[in-house]
Amino acid sequence: MNKKIIYAGFLISLGIFFFGSLSAEAHTLESDGAVSVLMFLEPHEETLIGKPSVINLEFKSAPGVVDFSRCNCLFTLSRNDKQIFKLSLKEGEAAVKENTVYIPHTFSETGEYTLNVSGITSTSTAFSLSYPIVAVDGDHVMADEMEGHHHPAGHMFHIVLLGAAILLSSYVILKDRRRRTRV
């Protein structure tokens, strides 16, 4: 078996794994110029109506770009063009620890929401980011998960794809090694 087949198997395996990664909505990274922010939800990967959630916004920008003590950052949640809340970091309406902003919120209705993050960096550059959030009815979530026991079920698709990629790569490599030892 030649190296082209090994490379093709490896690339197919990586493609399978990254295809699965693209389908994940639990963590969303958005960028606007020098500002990059990773948004993720806790305690569940999906927003459950009637259950307290925390919107985490982890700023991934270069050090010094966003100085939270001077940032005029606004966090606006809306649904169907109706504003649900607007929080100002400058006014101390959102909790900050290191490079992450924490916004507790309980969603009351199922549907699509939009979280807008905007502000002015320490270098006086304006930024604006937008994140879709979908709130769902929590009845389909397992009862023990609702009580705080986290299961990797949300990542099971990714785990299966990674396993398939590893198995496919291993098969191609072993088959090539066997063929080399016979020659």
N, C-alpha and C. Protein backbone atom coordinates (compact mmCIF):
# COMPACT_ATOMS: atom_id res chain seq x y z
N MET A 1 0.87 -1.17 0.00
CA MET A 1 0.00 0.00 0.00
C MET A 1 0.91 1.23 0.00
N ASN A 2 0.62 2.16 -0.86
CA ASN A 2 1.51 3.30 -0.94
C ASN A 2 1.10 4.43 0.02
N LYS A 3 1.95 5.41 0.11
CA LYS A 3 1.74 6.51 1.06
C LYS A 3 0.49 7.34 0.73
N LYS A 4 0.11 7.37 -0.54
CA LYS A 4 -1.08 8.14 -0.93
C LYS A 4 -2.33 7.59 -0.23
N ILE A 5 -2.42 6.27 -0.13
CA ILE A 5 -3.58 5.65 0.53
C ILE A 5 -3.56 5.96 2.02
N ILE A 6 -2.37 5.91 2.62
CA ILE A 6 -2.27 6.23 4.05
C ILE A 6 -2.69 7.68 4.29
N TYR A 7 -2.18 8.59 3.47
CA TYR A 7 -2.55 10.00 3.62
C TYR A 7 -4.05 10.21 3.38
N ALA A 8 -4.59 9.51 2.39
CA ALA A 8 -6.03 9.64 2.12
C ALA A 8 -6.85 9.15 3.31
N GLY A 9 -6.45 8.01 3.89
CA GLY A 9 -7.15 7.49 5.07
C GLY A 9 -7.07 8.46 6.23
N PHE A 10 -5.89 9.04 6.42
CA PHE A 10 -5.72 10.01 7.51
C PHE A 10 -6.58 11.24 7.28
N LEU A 11 -6.58 11.76 6.06
CA LEU A 11 -7.38 12.95 5.77
C LEU A 11 -8.88 12.67 5.89
N ILE A 12 -9.30 11.50 5.46
CA ILE A 12 -10.71 11.13 5.62
C ILE A 12 -11.07 11.06 7.09
N SER A 13 -10.20 10.48 7.90
CA SER A 13 -10.44 10.38 9.34
C SER A 13 -10.55 11.76 9.97
N LEU A 14 -9.63 12.65 9.61
CA LEU A 14 -9.71 14.02 10.13
C LEU A 14 -10.99 14.71 9.67
N GLY A 15 -11.34 14.48 8.41
CA GLY A 15 -12.57 15.09 7.89
C GLY A 15 -13.80 14.62 8.64
N ILE A 16 -13.85 13.32 8.96
CA ILE A 16 -14.98 12.79 9.72
C ILE A 16 -15.05 13.46 11.08
N PHE A 17 -13.89 13.57 11.74
CA PHE A 17 -13.87 14.18 13.08
C PHE A 17 -14.27 15.65 13.03
N PHE A 18 -13.70 16.42 12.09
CA PHE A 18 -14.00 17.84 12.04
C PHE A 18 -15.41 18.11 11.53
N PHE A 19 -15.96 17.23 10.69
CA PHE A 19 -17.35 17.38 10.28
C PHE A 19 -18.26 17.32 11.51
N GLY A 20 -17.99 16.40 12.39
CA GLY A 20 -18.76 16.29 13.63
C GLY A 20 -18.57 17.51 14.50
N SER A 21 -17.37 18.07 14.53
CA SER A 21 -17.11 19.24 15.35
C SER A 21 -17.89 20.44 14.86
N LEU A 22 -18.13 20.53 13.55
CA LEU A 22 -18.87 21.66 13.02
C LEU A 22 -20.32 21.66 13.47
N SER A 23 -20.84 20.50 13.82
CA SER A 23 -22.24 20.43 14.20
C SER A 23 -22.47 20.84 15.65
N ALA A 24 -21.43 21.03 16.42
CA ALA A 24 -21.57 21.38 17.83
C ALA A 24 -22.01 22.82 17.98
N GLU A 25 -23.02 23.06 18.79
CA GLU A 25 -23.49 24.41 19.05
C GLU A 25 -23.21 24.83 20.48
N ALA A 26 -22.63 23.96 21.27
CA ALA A 26 -22.44 24.24 22.68
C ALA A 26 -21.46 25.38 22.91
N HIS A 27 -20.44 25.47 22.09
CA HIS A 27 -19.43 26.51 22.21
C HIS A 27 -19.36 27.24 20.88
N THR A 28 -19.51 28.56 20.91
CA THR A 28 -19.50 29.34 19.69
C THR A 28 -18.46 30.45 19.82
N LEU A 29 -17.51 30.48 18.90
CA LEU A 29 -16.47 31.50 18.89
C LEU A 29 -16.78 32.50 17.79
N GLU A 30 -16.84 33.76 18.15
CA GLU A 30 -17.06 34.84 17.18
C GLU A 30 -15.92 35.84 17.33
N SER A 31 -15.57 36.50 16.22
CA SER A 31 -14.50 37.49 16.24
C SER A 31 -14.92 38.73 15.48
N ASP A 32 -14.42 39.87 15.95
CA ASP A 32 -14.60 41.14 15.28
C ASP A 32 -13.31 41.93 15.48
N GLY A 33 -12.47 41.88 14.46
CA GLY A 33 -11.18 42.56 14.57
C GLY A 33 -10.31 41.88 15.61
N ALA A 34 -9.85 42.66 16.59
CA ALA A 34 -8.93 42.15 17.62
C ALA A 34 -9.65 41.44 18.75
N VAL A 35 -10.98 41.42 18.73
CA VAL A 35 -11.75 40.83 19.83
C VAL A 35 -12.36 39.50 19.38
N SER A 36 -12.06 38.45 20.15
CA SER A 36 -12.66 37.13 19.94
C SER A 36 -13.28 36.69 21.25
N VAL A 37 -14.52 36.19 21.18
CA VAL A 37 -15.24 35.79 22.39
C VAL A 37 -15.87 34.43 22.17
N LEU A 38 -15.61 33.52 23.10
CA LEU A 38 -16.19 32.18 23.09
C LEU A 38 -17.41 32.18 24.00
N MET A 39 -18.58 31.85 23.46
CA MET A 39 -19.82 31.81 24.24
C MET A 39 -20.19 30.36 24.47
N PHE A 40 -20.49 30.01 25.74
CA PHE A 40 -21.01 28.69 26.05
C PHE A 40 -21.97 28.80 27.23
N LEU A 41 -22.83 27.81 27.35
CA LEU A 41 -23.90 27.82 28.34
C LEU A 41 -23.66 26.79 29.42
N GLU A 42 -24.09 27.08 30.62
CA GLU A 42 -24.03 26.14 31.73
C GLU A 42 -25.37 26.15 32.43
N PRO A 43 -25.82 25.10 33.06
CA PRO A 43 -25.12 23.83 33.27
C PRO A 43 -25.30 22.86 32.12
N HIS A 44 -26.19 23.15 31.17
CA HIS A 44 -26.46 22.25 30.05
C HIS A 44 -25.92 22.86 28.78
N GLU A 45 -25.69 22.02 27.79
CA GLU A 45 -25.22 22.50 26.50
C GLU A 45 -26.34 23.13 25.69
N GLU A 46 -27.55 22.90 26.10
CA GLU A 46 -28.68 23.56 25.45
C GLU A 46 -29.44 24.33 26.53
N THR A 47 -30.06 25.40 26.14
CA THR A 47 -30.76 26.24 27.08
C THR A 47 -32.14 25.64 27.35
N LEU A 48 -32.43 25.35 28.61
CA LEU A 48 -33.70 24.76 28.99
C LEU A 48 -34.60 25.82 29.60
N ILE A 49 -35.83 25.90 29.10
CA ILE A 49 -36.73 26.91 29.65
C ILE A 49 -37.08 26.57 31.10
N GLY A 50 -37.19 27.61 31.89
CA GLY A 50 -37.57 27.45 33.29
C GLY A 50 -36.45 26.99 34.20
N LYS A 51 -35.27 26.74 33.65
CA LYS A 51 -34.12 26.29 34.44
C LYS A 51 -33.04 27.37 34.40
N PRO A 52 -32.46 27.70 35.55
CA PRO A 52 -31.40 28.73 35.55
C PRO A 52 -30.22 28.32 34.67
N SER A 53 -29.77 29.24 33.88
CA SER A 53 -28.61 29.04 33.02
C SER A 53 -27.61 30.16 33.28
N VAL A 54 -26.39 29.92 32.89
CA VAL A 54 -25.38 30.97 32.94
C VAL A 54 -24.77 31.06 31.55
N ILE A 55 -24.83 32.26 30.98
CA ILE A 55 -24.19 32.52 29.70
C ILE A 55 -22.76 32.94 30.01
N ASN A 56 -21.80 32.17 29.52
CA ASN A 56 -20.38 32.45 29.75
C ASN A 56 -19.80 33.05 28.48
N LEU A 57 -19.13 34.17 28.63
CA LEU A 57 -18.48 34.82 27.50
C LEU A 57 -16.99 34.95 27.83
N GLU A 58 -16.21 34.06 27.24
CA GLU A 58 -14.77 34.03 27.51
C GLU A 58 -14.05 34.82 26.42
N PHE A 59 -13.45 35.94 26.81
CA PHE A 59 -12.73 36.79 25.88
C PHE A 59 -11.38 36.16 25.57
N LYS A 60 -11.14 35.87 24.29
CA LYS A 60 -9.93 35.19 23.84
C LYS A 60 -8.97 36.16 23.16
N SER A 61 -9.18 37.45 23.32
CA SER A 61 -8.36 38.45 22.65
C SER A 61 -6.97 38.52 23.26
N ALA A 62 -6.07 39.18 22.55
CA ALA A 62 -4.71 39.36 23.05
C ALA A 62 -4.75 40.15 24.36
N PRO A 63 -3.81 39.89 25.27
CA PRO A 63 -3.78 40.61 26.55
C PRO A 63 -3.76 42.13 26.35
N GLY A 64 -4.56 42.82 27.13
CA GLY A 64 -4.61 44.27 27.08
C GLY A 64 -5.58 44.86 26.07
N VAL A 65 -6.14 44.02 25.18
CA VAL A 65 -7.07 44.55 24.18
C VAL A 65 -8.39 44.93 24.84
N VAL A 66 -8.89 44.07 25.73
CA VAL A 66 -10.13 44.37 26.45
C VAL A 66 -9.79 44.49 27.94
N ASP A 67 -9.82 45.71 28.43
CA ASP A 67 -9.58 45.98 29.85
C ASP A 67 -10.96 46.11 30.49
N PHE A 68 -11.37 45.08 31.26
CA PHE A 68 -12.72 45.06 31.81
C PHE A 68 -12.99 46.23 32.76
N SER A 69 -11.96 46.79 33.36
CA SER A 69 -12.18 47.91 34.28
C SER A 69 -12.55 49.18 33.52
N ARG A 70 -12.21 49.23 32.23
CA ARG A 70 -12.53 50.41 31.42
C ARG A 70 -13.44 50.12 30.24
N CYS A 71 -13.80 48.87 30.06
CA CYS A 71 -14.58 48.47 28.88
C CYS A 71 -16.02 48.97 28.99
N ASN A 72 -16.46 49.61 27.95
CA ASN A 72 -17.85 50.03 27.86
C ASN A 72 -18.60 48.92 27.11
N CYS A 73 -18.65 47.73 27.72
CA CYS A 73 -19.24 46.55 27.08
C CYS A 73 -20.72 46.44 27.42
N LEU A 74 -21.51 46.11 26.40
CA LEU A 74 -22.95 45.90 26.58
C LEU A 74 -23.31 44.49 26.14
N PHE A 75 -24.22 43.87 26.88
CA PHE A 75 -24.70 42.53 26.59
C PHE A 75 -26.22 42.61 26.47
N THR A 76 -26.72 42.35 25.27
CA THR A 76 -28.15 42.50 25.00
C THR A 76 -28.72 41.17 24.52
N LEU A 77 -29.77 40.70 25.20
CA LEU A 77 -30.47 39.48 24.78
C LEU A 77 -31.82 39.90 24.22
N SER A 78 -32.13 39.40 23.03
CA SER A 78 -33.41 39.74 22.40
C SER A 78 -34.03 38.51 21.76
N ARG A 79 -35.34 38.63 21.55
CA ARG A 79 -36.10 37.56 20.89
C ARG A 79 -37.15 38.23 20.03
N ASN A 80 -37.18 37.89 18.75
CA ASN A 80 -38.12 38.49 17.80
C ASN A 80 -38.05 40.01 17.86
N ASP A 81 -36.86 40.55 17.84
CA ASP A 81 -36.60 42.00 17.89
C ASP A 81 -37.11 42.67 19.16
N LYS A 82 -37.41 41.91 20.18
CA LYS A 82 -37.84 42.47 21.47
C LYS A 82 -36.72 42.23 22.48
N GLN A 83 -36.26 43.31 23.09
CA GLN A 83 -35.15 43.22 24.03
C GLN A 83 -35.62 42.58 25.35
N ILE A 84 -34.89 41.53 25.77
CA ILE A 84 -35.18 40.83 27.02
C ILE A 84 -34.39 41.49 28.15
N PHE A 85 -33.11 41.74 27.91
CA PHE A 85 -32.30 42.49 28.88
C PHE A 85 -31.14 43.16 28.18
N LYS A 86 -30.61 44.18 28.85
CA LYS A 86 -29.43 44.89 28.40
C LYS A 86 -28.59 45.17 29.63
N LEU A 87 -27.40 44.57 29.67
CA LEU A 87 -26.52 44.71 30.82
C LEU A 87 -25.26 45.47 30.42
N SER A 88 -24.79 46.29 31.33
CA SER A 88 -23.58 47.06 31.09
C SER A 88 -22.47 46.59 32.03
N LEU A 89 -21.33 46.29 31.45
CA LEU A 89 -20.20 45.90 32.27
C LEU A 89 -19.68 47.09 33.08
N LYS A 90 -19.76 48.26 32.47
CA LYS A 90 -19.30 49.49 33.13
C LYS A 90 -20.10 49.78 34.40
N GLU A 91 -21.37 49.44 34.38
CA GLU A 91 -22.25 49.68 35.53
C GLU A 91 -22.21 48.52 36.53
N GLY A 92 -21.41 47.51 36.25
CA GLY A 92 -21.28 46.37 37.17
C GLY A 92 -22.48 45.43 37.16
N GLU A 93 -23.21 45.40 36.05
CA GLU A 93 -24.42 44.57 35.97
C GLU A 93 -24.13 43.13 35.56
N ALA A 94 -22.88 42.82 35.22
CA ALA A 94 -22.50 41.46 34.85
C ALA A 94 -21.24 41.09 35.64
N ALA A 95 -21.17 39.84 36.07
CA ALA A 95 -20.03 39.38 36.86
C ALA A 95 -18.85 39.05 35.94
N VAL A 96 -17.66 39.41 36.38
CA VAL A 96 -16.45 39.16 35.60
C VAL A 96 -15.42 38.48 36.51
N LYS A 97 -14.81 37.43 35.97
CA LYS A 97 -13.70 36.78 36.66
C LYS A 97 -12.64 36.47 35.61
N GLU A 98 -11.46 37.04 35.81
CA GLU A 98 -10.36 36.93 34.86
C GLU A 98 -10.82 37.42 33.50
N ASN A 99 -10.89 36.56 32.49
CA ASN A 99 -11.26 37.00 31.15
C ASN A 99 -12.66 36.53 30.73
N THR A 100 -13.49 36.17 31.72
CA THR A 100 -14.82 35.63 31.41
C THR A 100 -15.91 36.45 32.08
N VAL A 101 -16.95 36.75 31.31
CA VAL A 101 -18.14 37.44 31.82
C VAL A 101 -19.22 36.38 32.02
N TYR A 102 -19.87 36.43 33.19
CA TYR A 102 -20.92 35.47 33.53
C TYR A 102 -22.25 36.20 33.63
N ILE A 103 -23.24 35.72 32.86
CA ILE A 103 -24.57 36.34 32.87
C ILE A 103 -25.59 35.27 33.21
N PRO A 104 -26.13 35.29 34.44
CA PRO A 104 -27.18 34.33 34.79
C PRO A 104 -28.51 34.75 34.16
N HIS A 105 -29.25 33.77 33.66
CA HIS A 105 -30.56 34.08 33.08
C HIS A 105 -31.40 32.80 33.02
N THR A 106 -32.67 32.94 33.27
CA THR A 106 -33.61 31.84 33.12
C THR A 106 -34.52 32.17 31.94
N PHE A 107 -34.46 31.36 30.91
CA PHE A 107 -35.28 31.57 29.71
C PHE A 107 -36.69 31.08 30.00
N SER A 108 -37.67 31.90 29.65
CA SER A 108 -39.06 31.56 29.99
C SER A 108 -39.84 30.95 28.82
N GLU A 109 -39.37 31.14 27.60
CA GLU A 109 -40.10 30.64 26.43
C GLU A 109 -39.15 29.90 25.49
N THR A 110 -39.70 28.87 24.83
CA THR A 110 -38.90 28.18 23.82
C THR A 110 -38.76 29.09 22.60
N GLY A 111 -37.71 28.88 21.86
CA GLY A 111 -37.51 29.66 20.64
C GLY A 111 -36.09 30.16 20.50
N GLU A 112 -35.91 30.95 19.45
CA GLU A 112 -34.59 31.48 19.13
C GLU A 112 -34.40 32.86 19.75
N TYR A 113 -33.24 33.03 20.37
CA TYR A 113 -32.83 34.29 20.97
C TYR A 113 -31.53 34.74 20.31
N THR A 114 -31.22 36.01 20.46
CA THR A 114 -29.95 36.53 19.96
C THR A 114 -29.26 37.29 21.08
N LEU A 115 -28.02 36.94 21.34
CA LEU A 115 -27.21 37.65 22.31
C LEU A 115 -26.22 38.51 21.55
N ASN A 116 -26.27 39.81 21.78
CA ASN A 116 -25.33 40.73 21.17
C ASN A 116 -24.34 41.20 22.22
N VAL A 117 -23.07 41.16 21.87
CA VAL A 117 -21.99 41.62 22.73
C VAL A 117 -21.30 42.75 21.97
N SER A 118 -21.27 43.93 22.57
CA SER A 118 -20.64 45.05 21.89
C SER A 118 -19.88 45.89 22.90
N GLY A 119 -18.99 46.70 22.39
CA GLY A 119 -18.22 47.55 23.28
C GLY A 119 -17.10 48.25 22.56
N ILE A 120 -16.26 48.88 23.37
CA ILE A 120 -15.09 49.58 22.87
C ILE A 120 -13.88 49.04 23.62
N THR A 121 -12.87 48.61 22.88
CA THR A 121 -11.69 48.01 23.49
C THR A 121 -10.82 49.07 24.16
N SER A 122 -9.78 48.60 24.82
CA SER A 122 -8.83 49.49 25.49
C SER A 122 -8.08 50.36 24.48
N THR A 123 -8.06 49.92 23.22
CA THR A 123 -7.41 50.69 22.17
C THR A 123 -8.41 51.55 21.39
N SER A 124 -9.61 51.74 21.98
CA SER A 124 -10.68 52.57 21.40
C SER A 124 -11.23 52.04 20.09
N THR A 125 -11.21 50.74 19.92
CA THR A 125 -11.77 50.11 18.73
C THR A 125 -13.11 49.49 19.10
N ALA A 126 -14.15 49.83 18.32
CA ALA A 126 -15.48 49.28 18.58
C ALA A 126 -15.57 47.85 18.06
N PHE A 127 -16.34 47.02 18.78
CA PHE A 127 -16.58 45.65 18.32
C PHE A 127 -18.04 45.30 18.58
N SER A 128 -18.54 44.36 17.78
CA SER A 128 -19.91 43.89 17.92
C SER A 128 -19.97 42.43 17.48
N LEU A 129 -20.49 41.58 18.37
CA LEU A 129 -20.59 40.16 18.10
C LEU A 129 -22.02 39.71 18.35
N SER A 130 -22.45 38.68 17.65
CA SER A 130 -23.82 38.19 17.79
C SER A 130 -23.81 36.67 17.89
N TYR A 131 -24.61 36.14 18.84
CA TYR A 131 -24.68 34.71 19.09
C TYR A 131 -26.13 34.24 19.09
N PRO A 132 -26.43 33.18 18.33
CA PRO A 132 -27.79 32.61 18.41
C PRO A 132 -27.87 31.68 19.62
N ILE A 133 -28.98 31.73 20.33
CA ILE A 133 -29.25 30.82 21.45
C ILE A 133 -30.64 30.26 21.23
N VAL A 134 -30.78 28.96 21.33
CA VAL A 134 -32.08 28.31 21.17
C VAL A 134 -32.50 27.73 22.52
N ALA A 135 -33.63 28.17 23.02
CA ALA A 135 -34.17 27.65 24.27
C ALA A 135 -35.17 26.55 23.94
N VAL A 136 -35.02 25.42 24.65
CA VAL A 136 -35.88 24.27 24.40
C VAL A 136 -36.57 23.84 25.69
N ASP A 137 -37.63 23.07 25.53
CA ASP A 137 -38.34 22.51 26.67
C ASP A 137 -37.48 21.40 27.26
N GLY A 138 -37.28 21.41 28.56
CA GLY A 138 -36.39 20.47 29.21
C GLY A 138 -36.98 19.11 29.48
N ASP A 139 -38.21 18.84 29.07
CA ASP A 139 -38.83 17.55 29.37
C ASP A 139 -38.11 16.37 28.72
N HIS A 140 -37.43 16.62 27.61
CA HIS A 140 -36.75 15.52 26.93
C HIS A 140 -35.40 15.20 27.56
N VAL A 141 -34.93 16.02 28.48
CA VAL A 141 -33.64 15.77 29.12
C VAL A 141 -33.84 14.76 30.24
N MET A 142 -32.91 13.87 30.40
CA MET A 142 -33.03 12.83 31.42
C MET A 142 -33.20 13.44 32.81
N ALA A 143 -34.00 12.79 33.65
CA ALA A 143 -34.31 13.33 34.97
C ALA A 143 -33.07 13.53 35.83
N ASP A 144 -32.13 12.61 35.80
CA ASP A 144 -30.95 12.79 36.64
C ASP A 144 -30.06 13.91 36.13
N GLU A 145 -30.09 14.19 34.84
CA GLU A 145 -29.32 15.31 34.31
C GLU A 145 -29.94 16.62 34.79
N MET A 146 -31.25 16.65 34.89
CA MET A 146 -31.93 17.86 35.38
C MET A 146 -31.55 18.14 36.83
N GLU A 147 -31.17 17.09 37.56
CA GLU A 147 -30.80 17.26 38.95
C GLU A 147 -29.32 17.59 39.10
N GLY A 148 -28.63 17.81 38.02
CA GLY A 148 -27.24 18.23 38.10
C GLY A 148 -26.22 17.18 37.77
N HIS A 149 -26.64 15.97 37.43
CA HIS A 149 -25.69 14.92 37.07
C HIS A 149 -25.43 15.03 35.57
N HIS A 150 -24.22 15.42 35.22
CA HIS A 150 -23.88 15.64 33.82
C HIS A 150 -23.40 14.35 33.16
N HIS A 151 -23.94 14.08 31.99
CA HIS A 151 -23.52 12.94 31.19
C HIS A 151 -22.91 13.45 29.91
N PRO A 152 -22.00 12.70 29.32
CA PRO A 152 -21.38 13.16 28.08
C PRO A 152 -22.26 12.94 26.85
N ALA A 153 -23.56 12.79 27.02
CA ALA A 153 -24.44 12.49 25.90
C ALA A 153 -24.38 13.57 24.82
N GLY A 154 -24.21 14.82 25.22
CA GLY A 154 -24.13 15.90 24.24
C GLY A 154 -22.90 15.79 23.35
N HIS A 155 -21.89 15.10 23.82
CA HIS A 155 -20.66 14.93 23.05
C HIS A 155 -20.56 13.54 22.44
N MET A 156 -21.56 12.69 22.61
CA MET A 156 -21.48 11.32 22.15
C MET A 156 -21.23 11.23 20.64
N PHE A 157 -21.85 12.08 19.88
CA PHE A 157 -21.66 12.09 18.43
C PHE A 157 -20.19 12.33 18.11
N HIS A 158 -19.57 13.28 18.82
CA HIS A 158 -18.17 13.59 18.59
C HIS A 158 -17.26 12.44 19.04
N ILE A 159 -17.60 11.82 20.13
CA ILE A 159 -16.81 10.69 20.63
C ILE A 159 -16.85 9.54 19.63
N VAL A 160 -18.03 9.25 19.09
CA VAL A 160 -18.17 8.19 18.10
C VAL A 160 -17.38 8.52 16.84
N LEU A 161 -17.45 9.77 16.38
CA LEU A 161 -16.70 10.15 15.19
C LEU A 161 -15.19 10.07 15.42
N LEU A 162 -14.73 10.49 16.59
CA LEU A 162 -13.31 10.39 16.90
C LEU A 162 -12.89 8.92 16.92
N GLY A 163 -13.70 8.07 17.53
CA GLY A 163 -13.40 6.64 17.55
C GLY A 163 -13.33 6.07 16.15
N ALA A 164 -14.27 6.45 15.29
CA ALA A 164 -14.26 5.97 13.90
C ALA A 164 -13.00 6.46 13.17
N ALA A 165 -12.60 7.69 13.42
CA ALA A 165 -11.40 8.22 12.78
C ALA A 165 -10.15 7.46 13.24
N ILE A 166 -10.08 7.17 14.54
CA ILE A 166 -8.94 6.43 15.07
C ILE A 166 -8.91 5.01 14.50
N LEU A 167 -10.06 4.34 14.47
CA LEU A 167 -10.11 2.98 13.93
C LEU A 167 -9.73 2.94 12.45
N LEU A 168 -10.24 3.87 11.68
CA LEU A 168 -9.93 3.90 10.25
C LEU A 168 -8.44 4.15 10.03
N SER A 169 -7.88 5.10 10.75
CA SER A 169 -6.44 5.37 10.62
C SER A 169 -5.61 4.17 11.05
N SER A 170 -5.98 3.53 12.15
CA SER A 170 -5.24 2.35 12.63
C SER A 170 -5.31 1.22 11.61
N TYR A 171 -6.47 1.00 11.04
CA TYR A 171 -6.64 -0.06 10.03
C TYR A 171 -5.73 0.18 8.84
N VAL A 172 -5.71 1.40 8.34
CA VAL A 172 -4.90 1.71 7.16
C VAL A 172 -3.42 1.54 7.48
N ILE A 173 -2.99 2.00 8.64
CA ILE A 173 -1.57 1.89 9.02
C ILE A 173 -1.18 0.43 9.22
N LEU A 174 -2.01 -0.37 9.92
CA LEU A 174 -1.69 -1.78 10.15
C LEU A 174 -1.65 -2.57 8.84
N LYS A 175 -2.58 -2.29 7.96
CA LYS A 175 -2.61 -2.99 6.68
C LYS A 175 -1.35 -2.68 5.87
N ASP A 176 -0.90 -1.45 5.93
CA ASP A 176 0.32 -1.07 5.23
C ASP A 176 1.54 -1.75 5.84
N ARG A 177 1.60 -1.84 7.17
CA ARG A 177 2.73 -2.50 7.83
C ARG A 177 2.77 -3.99 7.50
N ARG A 178 1.62 -4.64 7.47
CA ARG A 178 1.58 -6.06 7.14
C ARG A 178 2.07 -6.31 5.71
N ARG A 179 1.66 -5.44 4.83
CA ARG A 179 2.07 -5.60 3.43
C ARG A 179 3.57 -5.41 3.30
N ARG A 180 4.14 -4.47 4.05
CA ARG A 180 5.59 -4.23 3.99
C ARG A 180 6.38 -5.42 4.53
N THR A 181 5.86 -6.07 5.59
CA THR A 181 6.58 -7.22 6.16
C THR A 181 6.52 -8.43 5.25
N ARG A 182 5.52 -8.56 4.42
CA ARG A 182 5.41 -9.69 3.49
C ARG A 182 6.38 -9.55 2.31
N VAL A 183 6.69 -8.33 1.97
CA VAL A 183 7.54 -8.08 0.78
C VAL A 183 8.97 -8.31 1.06
